[in-house]
Amino acid sequence: MSKSTSGPAAQSSSVRISYSYLGYLFLLLGFLSLGVFVAALAYQTAFVVVAGAALVGSLAASAGFFRIGSLAPAPARGDRVDRYRARYRPTA
């Protein structure tokens, strides 16, 4: 007997995260890094270099993910593809 791969259990195993969502997360991390960077500058610690690198890296990653998210369209769901094929691509 073979197990069925449909249902809620099968759907929860493949989680898709959009590039725009990752862009927002890295932007949030960038603002957090900005706060740490300003605090490190105020206290004149050597941690400024690390905080600055984290700030630049997270903002660059955010911009990159937003850019990729605007170029890559979301994949079509199976039911939409089936409906499109039934309406516009009938088989002979």
Protein backbone atom coordinates (compact mmCIF):
# COMPACT_ATOMS: atom_id res chain seq x y z
CA MET A 1 0.00 0.00 0.00
CA SER A 2 1.24 3.45 -0.82
CA LYS A 3 0.71 6.46 1.36
CA SER A 4 -1.24 9.41 0.04
CA THR A 5 0.71 12.65 -0.23
CA SER A 6 -2.31 14.91 -0.18
CA GLY A 7 -3.84 16.63 2.79
CA PRO A 8 -2.66 19.02 5.48
CA ALA A 9 0.31 16.92 6.56
CA ALA A 10 1.81 16.92 3.07
CA GLN A 11 1.22 20.64 2.61
CA SER A 12 2.90 21.64 5.87
CA SER A 13 6.16 19.94 4.93
CA SER A 14 6.92 22.33 2.08
CA VAL A 15 6.94 25.90 3.35
CA ARG A 16 7.69 28.57 0.76
CA ILE A 17 8.99 31.94 1.89
CA SER A 18 8.85 34.77 -0.63
CA TYR A 19 11.85 36.91 -1.46
CA SER A 20 9.97 40.03 -0.41
CA TYR A 21 9.38 38.52 3.03
CA LEU A 22 13.12 37.87 3.36
CA GLY A 23 13.74 41.44 2.24
CA TYR A 24 11.53 42.73 5.07
CA LEU A 25 13.31 40.51 7.59
CA PHE A 26 16.73 41.77 6.52
CA LEU A 27 15.44 45.35 6.60
CA LEU A 28 14.33 44.78 10.19
CA LEU A 29 17.76 43.34 10.95
CA GLY A 30 19.28 46.42 9.31
CA PHE A 31 17.38 48.76 11.62
CA LEU A 32 18.47 46.67 14.59
CA SER A 33 22.06 46.85 13.37
CA LEU A 34 21.74 50.60 12.95
CA GLY A 35 20.77 50.93 16.61
CA VAL A 36 23.68 48.77 17.70
CA PHE A 37 26.01 50.75 15.43
CA VAL A 38 24.93 54.09 16.89
CA ALA A 39 25.26 52.75 20.44
CA ALA A 40 28.74 51.41 19.66
CA LEU A 41 29.72 54.80 18.26
CA ALA A 42 28.38 56.55 21.36
CA TYR A 43 30.35 54.28 23.69
CA GLN A 44 33.43 54.39 21.41
CA THR A 45 33.99 50.65 21.42
CA ALA A 46 35.83 48.48 18.94
CA PHE A 47 32.52 46.76 18.16
CA VAL A 48 31.78 49.59 15.72
CA VAL A 49 33.44 47.70 12.86
CA VAL A 50 31.35 44.58 13.41
CA ALA A 51 28.12 46.55 13.84
CA GLY A 52 28.87 48.59 10.72
CA ALA A 53 29.57 45.47 8.67
CA ALA A 54 26.32 43.91 9.92
CA LEU A 55 24.45 47.10 9.01
CA VAL A 56 25.84 47.25 5.48
CA GLY A 57 25.40 43.51 4.93
CA SER A 58 21.82 43.36 6.13
CA LEU A 59 20.77 46.43 4.12
CA ALA A 60 22.47 45.06 1.01
CA ALA A 61 20.76 41.69 1.50
CA SER A 62 17.44 43.45 1.97
CA ALA A 63 17.85 45.41 -1.26
CA GLY A 64 18.91 42.26 -3.08
CA PHE A 65 15.96 40.21 -1.90
CA PHE A 66 13.52 43.01 -2.77
CA ARG A 67 15.08 43.21 -6.22
CA ILE A 68 14.85 39.44 -6.76
CA GLY A 69 11.29 39.44 -5.45
CA SER A 70 10.23 42.04 -8.00
CA LEU A 71 11.78 40.06 -10.86
CA ALA A 72 10.71 36.53 -9.97
CA PRO A 73 6.96 35.96 -10.19
CA ALA A 74 5.27 33.65 -7.71
CA PRO A 75 4.72 30.15 -9.09
CA ALA A 76 1.16 29.33 -10.11
CA ARG A 77 -0.78 26.95 -7.93
CA GLY A 78 -1.80 23.60 -9.38
CA ASP A 79 -5.52 24.31 -9.37
CA ARG A 80 -5.03 27.52 -11.35
CA VAL A 81 -2.85 25.75 -13.88
CA ASP A 82 -5.45 22.99 -14.30
CA ARG A 83 -8.25 25.55 -14.73
CA TYR A 84 -6.19 27.45 -17.33
CA ARG A 85 -5.47 24.30 -19.28
CA ALA A 86 -9.13 23.24 -19.21
CA ARG A 87 -10.33 26.64 -20.47
CA TYR A 88 -7.71 27.70 -22.98
CA ARG A 89 -5.74 24.60 -23.93
CA PRO A 90 -8.26 21.87 -24.62
CA THR A 91 -6.84 18.52 -25.61
CA ALA A 92 -7.95 17.09 -28.92
